[in-house]
Amino acid sequence: MLGDVSAQVLVMLAVVFALTEVFKPVWDPTKREDLGDKVFSAVADVGICILGGIDIFPTVGLPFAVPYVGSVLTGFLAVGGGKGLHDILGLVNATRLARIETTRLETAAGVTNVRNG
């Protein structure tokens, strides 16, 4: 349970950071030298995520009710660079593996899964 919340919080923090980095040139004139690169990267990454149906949010338990919102935000995460996305995917994978291990241990101990009823 705590791992799920941690993954969700970290993904949302990464999204806010990515959005801040992309839109920072709007209010900070010292960051405008690479504005063209950021705009192109944002358009390309968001476009690829929408067209490819790439959405990281259901993976961490945060599906959006509005179609394409998850893909758009995933695109902005990609703008932040490969390292940030790699770190998030590593966290998602670690969370998934922890769930599998917890289920395995509960099954071995004969514990009923209270979370799923």
PDB file of N, CA and C in Angstrom:
ATOM      1  N   MET A   1       0.824  -1.201   0.000  1.00  0.00           N
ATOM      2  CA  MET A   1       0.000   0.000   0.000  1.00  0.00           C
ATOM      3  C   MET A   1       0.862   1.257   0.000  1.00  0.00           C
ATOM      4  N   LEU A   2       1.859   1.297   0.901  1.00  0.00           N
ATOM      5  CA  LEU A   2       2.733   2.460   0.970  1.00  0.00           C
ATOM      6  C   LEU A   2       3.536   2.613  -0.312  1.00  0.00           C
ATOM      7  N   GLY A   3       3.953   1.492  -0.912  1.00  0.00           N
ATOM      8  CA  GLY A   3       4.681   1.545  -2.175  1.00  0.00           C
ATOM      9  C   GLY A   3       3.842   2.147  -3.283  1.00  0.00           C
ATOM     10  N   ASP A   4       2.539   1.829  -3.305  1.00  0.00           N
ATOM     11  CA  ASP A   4       1.643   2.394  -4.312  1.00  0.00           C
ATOM     12  C   ASP A   4       1.569   3.905  -4.169  1.00  0.00           C
ATOM     13  N   VAL A   5       1.377   4.365  -2.936  1.00  0.00           N
ATOM     14  CA  VAL A   5       1.268   5.805  -2.681  1.00  0.00           C
ATOM     15  C   VAL A   5       2.581   6.494  -3.008  1.00  0.00           C
ATOM     16  N   SER A   6       3.698   5.873  -2.642  1.00  0.00           N
ATOM     17  CA  SER A   6       5.007   6.461  -2.939  1.00  0.00           C
ATOM     18  C   SER A   6       5.208   6.614  -4.441  1.00  0.00           C
ATOM     19  N   ALA A   7       4.862   5.593  -5.202  1.00  0.00           N
ATOM     20  CA  ALA A   7       5.007   5.661  -6.656  1.00  0.00           C
ATOM     21  C   ALA A   7       4.110   6.749  -7.227  1.00  0.00           C
ATOM     22  N   GLN A   8       2.894   6.853  -6.737  1.00  0.00           N
ATOM     23  CA  GLN A   8       1.963   7.863  -7.227  1.00  0.00           C
ATOM     24  C   GLN A   8       2.470   9.271  -6.930  1.00  0.00           C
ATOM     25  N   VAL A   9       2.943   9.482  -5.718  1.00  0.00           N
ATOM     26  CA  VAL A   9       3.458  10.802  -5.335  1.00  0.00           C
ATOM     27  C   VAL A   9       4.689  11.153  -6.168  1.00  0.00           C
ATOM     28  N   LEU A  10       5.596  10.206  -6.340  1.00  0.00           N
ATOM     29  CA  LEU A  10       6.808  10.486  -7.119  1.00  0.00           C
ATOM     30  C   LEU A  10       6.492  10.788  -8.582  1.00  0.00           C
ATOM     31  N   VAL A  11       5.536  10.072  -9.154  1.00  0.00           N
ATOM     32  CA  VAL A  11       5.164  10.348 -10.541  1.00  0.00           C
ATOM     33  C   VAL A  11       4.538  11.735 -10.648  1.00  0.00           C
ATOM     34  N   MET A  12       3.676  12.085  -9.713  1.00  0.00           N
ATOM     35  CA  MET A  12       3.062  13.419  -9.766  1.00  0.00           C
ATOM     36  C   MET A  12       4.102  14.518  -9.555  1.00  0.00           C
ATOM     37  N   LEU A  13       5.066  14.294  -8.654  1.00  0.00           N
ATOM     38  CA  LEU A  13       6.148  15.274  -8.476  1.00  0.00           C
ATOM     39  C   LEU A  13       6.957  15.435  -9.759  1.00  0.00           C
ATOM     40  N   ALA A  14       7.225  14.324 -10.427  1.00  0.00           N
ATOM     41  CA  ALA A  14       7.987  14.377 -11.672  1.00  0.00           C
ATOM     42  C   ALA A  14       7.210  15.134 -12.747  1.00  0.00           C
ATOM     43  N   VAL A  15       5.896  14.959 -12.794  1.00  0.00           N
ATOM     44  CA  VAL A  15       5.076  15.671 -13.776  1.00  0.00           C
ATOM     45  C   VAL A  15       5.121  17.174 -13.510  1.00  0.00           C
ATOM     46  N   VAL A  16       4.964  17.557 -12.247  1.00  0.00           N
ATOM     47  CA  VAL A  16       5.005  18.991 -11.909  1.00  0.00           C
ATOM     48  C   VAL A  16       6.373  19.568 -12.257  1.00  0.00           C
ATOM     49  N   PHE A  17       7.433  18.841 -11.955  1.00  0.00           N
ATOM     50  CA  PHE A  17       8.780  19.305 -12.291  1.00  0.00           C
ATOM     51  C   PHE A  17       8.939  19.461 -13.806  1.00  0.00           C
ATOM     52  N   ALA A  18       8.477  18.467 -14.562  1.00  0.00           N
ATOM     53  CA  ALA A  18       8.605  18.521 -16.025  1.00  0.00           C
ATOM     54  C   ALA A  18       7.813  19.695 -16.596  1.00  0.00           C
ATOM     55  N   LEU A  19       6.597  19.897 -16.109  1.00  0.00           N
ATOM     56  CA  LEU A  19       5.795  21.026 -16.593  1.00  0.00           C
ATOM     57  C   LEU A  19       6.459  22.356 -16.252  1.00  0.00           C
ATOM     58  N   THR A  20       7.032  22.445 -15.063  1.00  0.00           N
ATOM     59  CA  THR A  20       7.735  23.667 -14.660  1.00  0.00           C
ATOM     60  C   THR A  20       8.921  23.932 -15.577  1.00  0.00           C
ATOM     61  N   GLU A  21       9.685  22.895 -15.880  1.00  0.00           N
ATOM     62  CA  GLU A  21      10.848  23.059 -16.750  1.00  0.00           C
ATOM     63  C   GLU A  21      10.447  23.466 -18.169  1.00  0.00           C
ATOM     64  N   VAL A  22       9.361  22.900 -18.672  1.00  0.00           N
ATOM     65  CA  VAL A  22       8.925  23.225 -20.038  1.00  0.00           C
ATOM     66  C   VAL A  22       8.406  24.655 -20.127  1.00  0.00           C
ATOM     67  N   PHE A  23       7.654  25.083 -19.108  1.00  0.00           N
ATOM     68  CA  PHE A  23       7.024  26.406 -19.174  1.00  0.00           C
ATOM     69  C   PHE A  23       7.811  27.505 -18.474  1.00  0.00           C
ATOM     70  N   LYS A  24       8.958  27.182 -17.881  1.00  0.00           N
ATOM     71  CA  LYS A  24       9.775  28.183 -17.193  1.00  0.00           C
ATOM     72  C   LYS A  24      10.171  29.363 -18.091  1.00  0.00           C
ATOM     73  N   PRO A  25      10.470  29.147 -19.373  1.00  0.00           N
ATOM     74  CA  PRO A  25      10.832  30.294 -20.219  1.00  0.00           C
ATOM     75  C   PRO A  25       9.732  31.345 -20.353  1.00  0.00           C
ATOM     76  N   VAL A  26       8.501  30.999 -20.043  1.00  0.00           N
ATOM     77  CA  VAL A  26       7.402  31.968 -20.132  1.00  0.00           C
ATOM     78  C   VAL A  26       7.603  33.089 -19.112  1.00  0.00           C
ATOM     79  N   TRP A  27       8.042  32.763 -17.902  1.00  0.00           N
ATOM     80  CA  TRP A  27       8.190  33.791 -16.869  1.00  0.00           C
ATOM     81  C   TRP A  27       9.645  34.100 -16.512  1.00  0.00           C
ATOM     82  N   ASP A  28      10.603  33.330 -17.020  1.00  0.00           N
ATOM     83  CA  ASP A  28      12.013  33.573 -16.707  1.00  0.00           C
ATOM     84  C   ASP A  28      12.795  33.832 -18.003  1.00  0.00           C
ATOM     85  N   PRO A  29      13.046  35.110 -18.300  1.00  0.00           N
ATOM     86  CA  PRO A  29      13.729  35.440 -19.554  1.00  0.00           C
ATOM     87  C   PRO A  29      15.125  34.831 -19.688  1.00  0.00           C
ATOM     88  N   THR A  30      15.763  34.487 -18.584  1.00  0.00           N
ATOM     89  CA  THR A  30      17.108  33.906 -18.665  1.00  0.00           C
ATOM     90  C   THR A  30      17.074  32.467 -19.170  1.00  0.00           C
ATOM     91  N   LYS A  31      15.911  31.854 -19.246  1.00  0.00           N
ATOM     92  CA  LYS A  31      15.784  30.461 -19.692  1.00  0.00           C
ATOM     93  C   LYS A  31      15.274  30.346 -21.130  1.00  0.00           C
ATOM     94  N   ARG A  32      15.272  31.452 -21.851  1.00  0.00           N
ATOM     95  CA  ARG A  32      14.689  31.445 -23.196  1.00  0.00           C
ATOM     96  C   ARG A  32      15.650  31.036 -24.294  1.00  0.00           C
ATOM     97  N   GLU A  33      16.920  30.805 -23.980  1.00  0.00           N
ATOM     98  CA  GLU A  33      17.874  30.490 -25.040  1.00  0.00           C
ATOM     99  C   GLU A  33      17.580  29.153 -25.706  1.00  0.00           C
ATOM    100  N   ASP A  34      16.994  28.203 -24.989  1.00  0.00           N
ATOM    101  CA  ASP A  34      16.691  26.906 -25.589  1.00  0.00           C
ATOM    102  C   ASP A  34      15.179  26.680 -25.711  1.00  0.00           C
ATOM    103  N   LEU A  35      14.448  27.776 -25.861  1.00  0.00           N
ATOM    104  CA  LEU A  35      12.990  27.690 -25.933  1.00  0.00           C
ATOM    105  C   LEU A  35      12.531  26.860 -27.135  1.00  0.00           C
ATOM    106  N   GLY A  36      13.158  27.056 -28.284  1.00  0.00           N
ATOM    107  CA  GLY A  36      12.781  26.300 -29.482  1.00  0.00           C
ATOM    108  C   GLY A  36      12.961  24.806 -29.297  1.00  0.00           C
ATOM    109  N   ASP A  37      14.066  24.435 -28.661  1.00  0.00           N
ATOM    110  CA  ASP A  37      14.325  23.012 -28.387  1.00  0.00           C
ATOM    111  C   ASP A  37      13.258  22.419 -27.475  1.00  0.00           C
ATOM    112  N   LYS A  38      12.900  23.180 -26.436  1.00  0.00           N
ATOM    113  CA  LYS A  38      11.899  22.675 -25.488  1.00  0.00           C
ATOM    114  C   LYS A  38      10.526  22.565 -26.126  1.00  0.00           C
ATOM    115  N   VAL A  39      10.159  23.553 -26.934  1.00  0.00           N
ATOM    116  CA  VAL A  39       8.849  23.510 -27.600  1.00  0.00           C
ATOM    117  C   VAL A  39       8.790  22.327 -28.552  1.00  0.00           C
ATOM    118  N   PHE A  40       9.832  22.156 -29.370  1.00  0.00           N
ATOM    119  CA  PHE A  40       9.847  21.030 -30.302  1.00  0.00           C
ATOM    120  C   PHE A  40       9.797  19.702 -29.545  1.00  0.00           C
ATOM    121  N   SER A  41      10.601  19.588 -28.501  1.00  0.00           N
ATOM    122  CA  SER A  41      10.638  18.355 -27.724  1.00  0.00           C
ATOM    123  C   SER A  41       9.281  18.061 -27.089  1.00  0.00           C
ATOM    124  N   ALA A  42       8.638  19.096 -26.551  1.00  0.00           N
ATOM    125  CA  ALA A  42       7.321  18.903 -25.930  1.00  0.00           C
ATOM    126  C   ALA A  42       6.292  18.457 -26.954  1.00  0.00           C
ATOM    127  N   VAL A  43       6.251  19.119 -28.099  1.00  0.00           N
ATOM    128  CA  VAL A  43       5.284  18.756 -29.137  1.00  0.00           C
ATOM    129  C   VAL A  43       5.545  17.334 -29.633  1.00  0.00           C
ATOM    130  N   ALA A  44       6.802  17.008 -29.878  1.00  0.00           N
ATOM    131  CA  ALA A  44       7.135  15.671 -30.378  1.00  0.00           C
ATOM    132  C   ALA A  44       6.820  14.595 -29.349  1.00  0.00           C
ATOM    133  N   ASP A  45       7.248  14.799 -28.102  1.00  0.00           N
ATOM    134  CA  ASP A  45       7.033  13.782 -27.074  1.00  0.00           C
ATOM    135  C   ASP A  45       5.547  13.580 -26.764  1.00  0.00           C
ATOM    136  N   VAL A  46       4.820  14.671 -26.630  1.00  0.00           N
ATOM    137  CA  VAL A  46       3.380  14.554 -26.356  1.00  0.00           C
ATOM    138  C   VAL A  46       2.679  13.901 -27.547  1.00  0.00           C
ATOM    139  N   GLY A  47       3.047  14.303 -28.752  1.00  0.00           N
ATOM    140  CA  GLY A  47       2.444  13.707 -29.946  1.00  0.00           C
ATOM    141  C   GLY A  47       2.693  12.207 -30.033  1.00  0.00           C
ATOM    142  N   ILE A  48       3.922  11.793 -29.780  1.00  0.00           N
ATOM    143  CA  ILE A  48       4.254  10.365 -29.824  1.00  0.00           C
ATOM    144  C   ILE A  48       3.472   9.596 -28.762  1.00  0.00           C
ATOM    145  N   CYS A  49       3.375  10.160 -27.563  1.00  0.00           N
ATOM    146  CA  CYS A  49       2.639   9.476 -26.490  1.00  0.00           C
ATOM    147  C   CYS A  49       1.144   9.364 -26.814  1.00  0.00           C
ATOM    148  N   ILE A  50       0.566  10.412 -27.397  1.00  0.00           N
ATOM    149  CA  ILE A  50      -0.853  10.351 -27.764  1.00  0.00           C
ATOM    150  C   ILE A  50      -1.059   9.339 -28.884  1.00  0.00           C
ATOM    151  N   LEU A  51      -0.271   9.455 -29.946  1.00  0.00           N
ATOM    152  CA  LEU A  51      -0.437   8.548 -31.095  1.00  0.00           C
ATOM    153  C   LEU A  51      -0.125   7.094 -30.736  1.00  0.00           C
ATOM    154  N   GLY A  52       0.814   6.877 -29.810  1.00  0.00           N
ATOM    155  CA  GLY A  52       1.183   5.524 -29.415  1.00  0.00           C
ATOM    156  C   GLY A  52       0.378   4.985 -28.251  1.00  0.00           C
ATOM    157  N   GLY A  53      -0.499   5.822 -27.692  1.00  0.00           N
ATOM    158  CA  GLY A  53      -1.287   5.382 -26.546  1.00  0.00           C
ATOM    159  C   GLY A  53      -0.425   5.105 -25.318  1.00  0.00           C
ATOM    160  N   ILE A  54       0.667   5.857 -25.188  1.00  0.00           N
ATOM    161  CA  ILE A  54       1.597   5.648 -24.078  1.00  0.00           C
ATOM    162  C   ILE A  54       1.105   6.440 -22.870  1.00  0.00           C
ATOM    163  N   ASP A  55       0.847   5.737 -21.780  1.00  0.00           N
ATOM    164  CA  ASP A  55       0.306   6.353 -20.566  1.00  0.00           C
ATOM    165  C   ASP A  55       0.856   5.597 -19.366  1.00  0.00           C
ATOM    166  N   ILE A  56       1.727   6.243 -18.596  1.00  0.00           N
ATOM    167  CA  ILE A  56       2.361   5.596 -17.457  1.00  0.00           C
ATOM    168  C   ILE A  56       1.462   5.580 -16.219  1.00  0.00           C
ATOM    169  N   PHE A  57       0.440   6.415 -16.187  1.00  0.00           N
ATOM    170  CA  PHE A  57      -0.338   6.604 -14.973  1.00  0.00           C
ATOM    171  C   PHE A  57      -1.147   5.388 -14.515  1.00  0.00           C
ATOM    172  N   PRO A  58      -1.795   4.627 -15.388  1.00  0.00           N
ATOM    173  CA  PRO A  58      -2.477   3.421 -14.898  1.00  0.00           C
ATOM    174  C   PRO A  58      -1.507   2.411 -14.268  1.00  0.00           C
ATOM    175  N   THR A  59      -0.264   2.437 -14.711  1.00  0.00           N
ATOM    176  CA  THR A  59       0.746   1.519 -14.179  1.00  0.00           C
ATOM    177  C   THR A  59       0.998   1.767 -12.699  1.00  0.00           C
ATOM    178  N   VAL A  60       0.895   3.027 -12.267  1.00  0.00           N
ATOM    179  CA  VAL A  60       1.106   3.356 -10.852  1.00  0.00           C
ATOM    180  C   VAL A  60      -0.209   3.563 -10.114  1.00  0.00           C
ATOM    181  N   GLY A  61      -1.318   3.187 -10.735  1.00  0.00           N
ATOM    182  CA  GLY A  61      -2.617   3.273 -10.069  1.00  0.00           C
ATOM    183  C   GLY A  61      -3.266   4.639 -10.121  1.00  0.00           C
ATOM    184  N   LEU A  62      -2.942   5.438 -11.140  1.00  0.00           N
ATOM    185  CA  LEU A  62      -3.543   6.768 -11.297  1.00  0.00           C
ATOM    186  C   LEU A  62      -4.173   6.928 -12.684  1.00  0.00           C
ATOM    187  N   PRO A  63      -5.175   6.136 -13.005  1.00  0.00           N
ATOM    188  CA  PRO A  63      -5.796   6.322 -14.321  1.00  0.00           C
ATOM    189  C   PRO A  63      -6.625   7.606 -14.337  1.00  0.00           C
ATOM    190  N   PHE A  64      -6.617   8.293 -15.458  1.00  0.00           N
ATOM    191  CA  PHE A  64      -7.401   9.524 -15.601  1.00  0.00           C
ATOM    192  C   PHE A  64      -8.732   9.214 -16.270  1.00  0.00           C
ATOM    193  N   ALA A  65      -9.788   9.895 -15.829  1.00  0.00           N
ATOM    194  CA  ALA A  65     -11.115   9.694 -16.410  1.00  0.00           C
ATOM    195  C   ALA A  65     -11.217  10.359 -17.784  1.00  0.00           C
ATOM    196  N   VAL A  66     -10.448  11.416 -17.985  1.00  0.00           N
ATOM    197  CA  VAL A  66     -10.484  12.144 -19.253  1.00  0.00           C
ATOM    198  C   VAL A  66      -9.486  11.500 -20.216  1.00  0.00           C
ATOM    199  N   PRO A  67      -9.967  11.069 -21.382  1.00  0.00           N
ATOM    200  CA  PRO A  67      -9.059  10.422 -22.341  1.00  0.00           C
ATOM    201  C   PRO A  67      -7.890  11.337 -22.731  1.00  0.00           C
ATOM    202  N   TYR A  68      -6.768  10.770 -22.949  1.00  0.00           N
ATOM    203  CA  TYR A  68      -5.544  11.416 -23.437  1.00  0.00           C
ATOM    204  C   TYR A  68      -4.795  12.250 -22.399  1.00  0.00           C
ATOM    205  N   VAL A  69      -5.390  12.533 -21.243  1.00  0.00           N
ATOM    206  CA  VAL A  69      -4.676  13.334 -20.240  1.00  0.00           C
ATOM    207  C   VAL A  69      -3.414  12.607 -19.781  1.00  0.00           C
ATOM    208  N   GLY A  70      -3.532  11.316 -19.530  1.00  0.00           N
ATOM    209  CA  GLY A  70      -2.372  10.540 -19.108  1.00  0.00           C
ATOM    210  C   GLY A  70      -1.283  10.509 -20.163  1.00  0.00           C
ATOM    211  N   SER A  71      -1.684  10.396 -21.431  1.00  0.00           N
ATOM    212  CA  SER A  71      -0.700  10.394 -22.516  1.00  0.00           C
ATOM    213  C   SER A  71      -0.006  11.743 -22.640  1.00  0.00           C
ATOM    214  N   VAL A  72      -0.767  12.824 -22.496  1.00  0.00           N
ATOM    215  CA  VAL A  72      -0.182  14.173 -22.578  1.00  0.00           C
ATOM    216  C   VAL A  72       0.825  14.365 -21.440  1.00  0.00           C
ATOM    217  N   LEU A  73       0.437  14.007 -20.228  1.00  0.00           N
ATOM    218  CA  LEU A  73       1.343  14.178 -19.088  1.00  0.00           C
ATOM    219  C   LEU A  73       2.555  13.250 -19.180  1.00  0.00           C
ATOM    220  N   THR A  74       2.362  12.053 -19.715  1.00  0.00           N
ATOM    221  CA  THR A  74       3.497  11.152 -19.946  1.00  0.00           C
ATOM    222  C   THR A  74       4.462  11.773 -20.951  1.00  0.00           C
ATOM    223  N   GLY A  75       3.917  12.443 -21.964  1.00  0.00           N
ATOM    224  CA  GLY A  75       4.756  13.147 -22.936  1.00  0.00           C
ATOM    225  C   GLY A  75       5.590  14.224 -22.280  1.00  0.00           C
ATOM    226  N   PHE A  76       4.988  14.964 -21.341  1.00  0.00           N
ATOM    227  CA  PHE A  76       5.747  15.995 -20.636  1.00  0.00           C
ATOM    228  C   PHE A  76       6.819  15.363 -19.746  1.00  0.00           C
ATOM    229  N   LEU A  77       6.534  14.194 -19.195  1.00  0.00           N
ATOM    230  CA  LEU A  77       7.566  13.494 -18.432  1.00  0.00           C
ATOM    231  C   LEU A  77       8.755  13.160 -19.327  1.00  0.00           C
ATOM    232  N   ALA A  78       8.470  12.765 -20.555  1.00  0.00           N
ATOM    233  CA  ALA A  78       9.532  12.418 -21.502  1.00  0.00           C
ATOM    234  C   ALA A  78      10.376  13.636 -21.859  1.00  0.00           C
ATOM    235  N   VAL A  79       9.764  14.828 -21.863  1.00  0.00           N
ATOM    236  CA  VAL A  79      10.507  16.056 -22.170  1.00  0.00           C
ATOM    237  C   VAL A  79      11.616  16.255 -21.141  1.00  0.00           C
ATOM    238  N   GLY A  80      11.350  15.850 -19.903  1.00  0.00           N
ATOM    239  CA  GLY A  80      12.335  16.010 -18.838  1.00  0.00           C
ATOM    240  C   GLY A  80      13.608  15.223 -19.070  1.00  0.00           C
ATOM    241  N   GLY A  81      13.580  14.324 -20.009  1.00  0.00           N
ATOM    242  CA  GLY A  81      14.775  13.574 -20.338  1.00  0.00           C
ATOM    243  C   GLY A  81      14.678  12.118 -19.956  1.00  0.00           C
ATOM    244  N   GLY A  82      15.572  11.351 -20.532  1.00  0.00           N
ATOM    245  CA  GLY A  82      15.568   9.915 -20.326  1.00  0.00           C
ATOM    246  C   GLY A  82      15.885   9.502 -18.902  1.00  0.00           C
ATOM    247  N   LYS A  83      16.737  10.249 -18.213  1.00  0.00           N
ATOM    248  CA  LYS A  83      17.111   9.857 -16.858  1.00  0.00           C
ATOM    249  C   LYS A  83      15.918   9.895 -15.925  1.00  0.00           C
ATOM    250  N   GLY A  84      15.147  10.955 -15.977  1.00  0.00           N
ATOM    251  CA  GLY A  84      13.968  11.060 -15.110  1.00  0.00           C
ATOM    252  C   GLY A  84      12.965   9.967 -15.403  1.00  0.00           C
ATOM    253  N   LEU A  85      12.716   9.719 -16.677  1.00  0.00           N
ATOM    254  CA  LEU A  85      11.774   8.677 -17.059  1.00  0.00           C
ATOM    255  C   LEU A  85      12.313   7.302 -16.670  1.00  0.00           C
ATOM    256  N   HIS A  86      13.604   7.103 -16.819  1.00  0.00           N
ATOM    257  CA  HIS A  86      14.222   5.842 -16.418  1.00  0.00           C
ATOM    258  C   HIS A  86      14.054   5.623 -14.913  1.00  0.00           C
ATOM    259  N   ASP A  87      14.268   6.666 -14.118  1.00  0.00           N
ATOM    260  CA  ASP A  87      14.104   6.552 -12.669  1.00  0.00           C
ATOM    261  C   ASP A  87      12.667   6.209 -12.298  1.00  0.00           C
ATOM    262  N   ILE A  88      11.711   6.838 -12.973  1.00  0.00           N
ATOM    263  CA  ILE A  88      10.297   6.571 -12.684  1.00  0.00           C
ATOM    264  C   ILE A  88       9.944   5.143 -13.074  1.00  0.00           C
ATOM    265  N   LEU A  89      10.389   4.702 -14.236  1.00  0.00           N
ATOM    266  CA  LEU A  89      10.103   3.331 -14.652  1.00  0.00           C
ATOM    267  C   LEU A  89      10.743   2.322 -13.696  1.00  0.00           C
ATOM    268  N   GLY A  90      11.919   2.639 -13.188  1.00  0.00           N
ATOM    269  CA  GLY A  90      12.555   1.777 -12.191  1.00  0.00           C
ATOM    270  C   GLY A  90      11.723   1.689 -10.923  1.00  0.00           C
ATOM    271  N   LEU A  91      11.175   2.823 -10.494  1.00  0.00           N
ATOM    272  CA  LEU A  91      10.315   2.840  -9.316  1.00  0.00           C
ATOM    273  C   LEU A  91       9.048   2.026  -9.559  1.00  0.00           C
ATOM    274  N   VAL A  92       8.445   2.198 -10.738  1.00  0.00           N
ATOM    275  CA  VAL A  92       7.239   1.443 -11.077  1.00  0.00           C
ATOM    276  C   VAL A  92       7.541  -0.049 -11.064  1.00  0.00           C
ATOM    277  N   ASN A  93       8.661  -0.442 -11.644  1.00  0.00           N
ATOM    278  CA  ASN A  93       9.033  -1.850 -11.675  1.00  0.00           C
ATOM    279  C   ASN A  93       9.293  -2.382 -10.269  1.00  0.00           C
ATOM    280  N   ALA A  94       9.970  -1.602  -9.432  1.00  0.00           N
ATOM    281  CA  ALA A  94      10.226  -2.028  -8.054  1.00  0.00           C
ATOM    282  C   ALA A  94       8.921  -2.195  -7.289  1.00  0.00           C
ATOM    283  N   THR A  95       7.966  -1.304  -7.518  1.00  0.00           N
ATOM    284  CA  THR A  95       6.658  -1.402  -6.870  1.00  0.00           C
ATOM    285  C   THR A  95       5.937  -2.665  -7.315  1.00  0.00           C
ATOM    286  N   ARG A  96       5.989  -2.944  -8.613  1.00  0.00           N
ATOM    287  CA  ARG A  96       5.336  -4.140  -9.156  1.00  0.00           C
ATOM    288  C   ARG A  96       5.972  -5.405  -8.567  1.00  0.00           C
ATOM    289  N   LEU A  97       7.295  -5.430  -8.509  1.00  0.00           N
ATOM    290  CA  LEU A  97       7.982  -6.598  -7.939  1.00  0.00           C
ATOM    291  C   LEU A  97       7.665  -6.763  -6.455  1.00  0.00           C
ATOM    292  N   ALA A  98       7.544  -5.655  -5.730  1.00  0.00           N
ATOM    293  CA  ALA A  98       7.195  -5.731  -4.306  1.00  0.00           C
ATOM    294  C   ALA A  98       5.798  -6.301  -4.127  1.00  0.00           C
ATOM    295  N   ARG A  99       4.862  -5.914  -4.998  1.00  0.00           N
ATOM    296  CA  ARG A  99       3.502  -6.475  -4.935  1.00  0.00           C
ATOM    297  C   ARG A  99       3.525  -7.975  -5.184  1.00  0.00           C
ATOM    298  N   ILE A 100       4.282  -8.394  -6.178  1.00  0.00           N
ATOM    299  CA  ILE A 100       4.375  -9.822  -6.497  1.00  0.00           C
ATOM    300  C   ILE A 100       4.955 -10.587  -5.317  1.00  0.00           C
ATOM    301  N   GLU A 101       6.009 -10.061  -4.717  1.00  0.00           N
ATOM    302  CA  GLU A 101       6.651 -10.721  -3.588  1.00  0.00           C
ATOM    303  C   GLU A 101       5.712 -10.762  -2.378  1.00  0.00           C
ATOM    304  N   THR A 102       4.989  -9.685  -2.119  1.00  0.00           N
ATOM    305  CA  THR A 102       4.029  -9.656  -1.015  1.00  0.00           C
ATOM    306  C   THR A 102       2.945 -10.704  -1.215  1.00  0.00           C
ATOM    307  N   THR A 103       2.420 -10.790  -2.436  1.00  0.00           N
ATOM    308  CA  THR A 103       1.395 -11.788  -2.743  1.00  0.00           C
ATOM    309  C   THR A 103       1.949 -13.192  -2.559  1.00  0.00           C
ATOM    310  N   ARG A 104       3.171 -13.412  -3.003  1.00  0.00           N
ATOM    311  CA  ARG A 104       3.797 -14.727  -2.859  1.00  0.00           C
ATOM    312  C   ARG A 104       3.961 -15.087  -1.388  1.00  0.00           C
ATOM    313  N   LEU A 105       4.424 -14.141  -0.579  1.00  0.00           N
ATOM    314  CA  LEU A 105       4.616 -14.403   0.848  1.00  0.00           C
ATOM    315  C   LEU A 105       3.282 -14.633   1.560  1.00  0.00           C
ATOM    316  N   GLU A 106       2.266 -13.839   1.196  1.00  0.00           N
ATOM    317  CA  GLU A 106       0.945 -14.019   1.797  1.00  0.00           C
ATOM    318  C   GLU A 106       0.367 -15.382   1.438  1.00  0.00           C
ATOM    319  N   THR A 107       0.553 -15.788   0.192  1.00  0.00           N
ATOM    320  CA  THR A 107       0.056 -17.091  -0.251  1.00  0.00           C
ATOM    321  C   THR A 107       0.779 -18.213   0.491  1.00  0.00           C
ATOM    322  N   ALA A 108       2.083 -18.093   0.629  1.00  0.00           N
ATOM    323  CA  ALA A 108       2.872 -19.114   1.319  1.00  0.00           C
ATOM    324  C   ALA A 108       2.489 -19.204   2.800  1.00  0.00           C
ATOM    325  N   ALA A 109       2.114 -18.060   3.381  1.00  0.00           N
ATOM    326  CA  ALA A 109       1.749 -18.039   4.802  1.00  0.00           C
ATOM    327  C   ALA A 109       0.274 -18.361   5.017  1.00  0.00           C
ATOM    328  N   GLY A 110      -0.499 -18.462   3.919  1.00  0.00           N
ATOM    329  CA  GLY A 110      -1.920 -18.751   4.032  1.00  0.00           C
ATOM    330  C   GLY A 110      -2.745 -17.554   4.468  1.00  0.00           C
ATOM    331  N   VAL A 111      -2.231 -16.354   4.235  1.00  0.00           N
ATOM    332  CA  VAL A 111      -2.940 -15.130   4.620  1.00  0.00           C
ATOM    333  C   VAL A 111      -3.958 -14.782   3.535  1.00  0.00           C
ATOM    334  N   THR A 112      -5.175 -14.437   3.956  1.00  0.00           N
ATOM    335  CA  THR A 112      -6.201 -13.997   3.025  1.00  0.00           C
ATOM    336  C   THR A 112      -5.917 -12.565   2.645  1.00  0.00           C
ATOM    337  N   ASN A 113      -6.040 -12.242   1.376  1.00  0.00           N
ATOM    338  CA  ASN A 113      -5.769 -10.897   0.884  1.00  0.00           C
ATOM    339  C   ASN A 113      -6.935  -9.989   1.254  1.00  0.00           C
ATOM    340  N   VAL A 114      -6.751  -9.178   2.305  1.00  0.00           N
ATOM    341  CA  VAL A 114      -7.792  -8.289   2.800  1.00  0.00           C
ATOM    342  C   VAL A 114      -8.048  -7.144   1.827  1.00  0.00           C
ATOM    343  N   ARG A 115      -7.018  -6.716   1.109  1.00  0.00           N
ATOM    344  CA  ARG A 115      -7.151  -5.574   0.194  1.00  0.00           C
ATOM    345  C   ARG A 115      -8.172  -5.818  -0.907  1.00  0.00           C
ATOM    346  N   ASN A 116      -8.273  -7.025  -1.394  1.00  0.00           N
ATOM    347  CA  ASN A 116      -9.181  -7.314  -2.501  1.00  0.00           C
ATOM    348  C   ASN A 116     -10.488  -7.942  -2.050  1.00  0.00           C
ATOM    349  N   GLY A 117     -10.722  -7.930  -0.772  1.00  0.00           N
ATOM    350  CA  GLY A 117     -11.995  -8.435  -0.258  1.00  0.00           C
ATOM    351  C   GLY A 117     -11.886  -9.832   0.104  1.00  0.00           C
TER     352      GLY A 117
END
